[in-house]
Protein backbone atom coordinates (compact mmCIF):
# COMPACT_ATOMS: atom_id res chain seq x y z
CA UNK A 1 -8.98 1.51 -0.74
CA UNK A 2 -11.59 -0.54 -2.54
CA UNK A 3 -11.47 -4.23 -1.55
CA UNK A 4 -11.11 -6.57 -4.47
CA UNK A 5 -10.13 -3.91 -7.03
CA UNK A 6 -7.24 -5.41 -9.06
CA UNK A 7 -6.02 -2.02 -10.30
CA UNK A 8 -5.86 -0.58 -6.80
CA UNK A 9 -4.21 -3.71 -5.47
CA UNK A 10 -1.58 -3.58 -8.22
CA UNK A 11 -0.89 0.10 -7.52
CA UNK A 12 -0.42 -0.60 -3.83
CA UNK A 13 1.97 -3.45 -4.52
CA UNK A 14 3.96 -1.39 -6.98
CA UNK A 15 4.15 1.64 -4.66
CA UNK A 16 4.88 -0.38 -1.51
CA UNK A 17 8.70 0.08 -1.58
CA UNK A 18 8.35 3.85 -2.05
CA UNK A 19 5.84 4.08 0.80
CA UNK A 20 8.10 1.98 3.00
CA UNK A 21 11.00 4.36 2.39
CA UNK A 22 8.89 7.43 2.77
CA UNK A 23 6.89 6.53 5.91
CA UNK A 24 7.25 3.03 7.48
CA UNK A 25 4.56 3.70 10.02
CA UNK A 26 2.07 4.68 7.35
CA UNK A 27 3.07 1.65 5.29
CA UNK A 28 2.40 -0.69 8.25
CA UNK A 29 -0.94 1.00 8.88
CA UNK A 30 -1.96 0.41 5.27
CA UNK A 31 -0.89 -3.22 5.40
CA UNK A 32 -2.84 -3.80 8.62
CA UNK A 33 -5.95 -1.96 7.42
């Protein structure tokens, strides 16, 4: 993920709930990365 890219940030925020439901561990890893 490119740091400081608004489009990517927005996509991550919008897809967060789906990711959380699909794979909580992966979601946490992304948030901590």
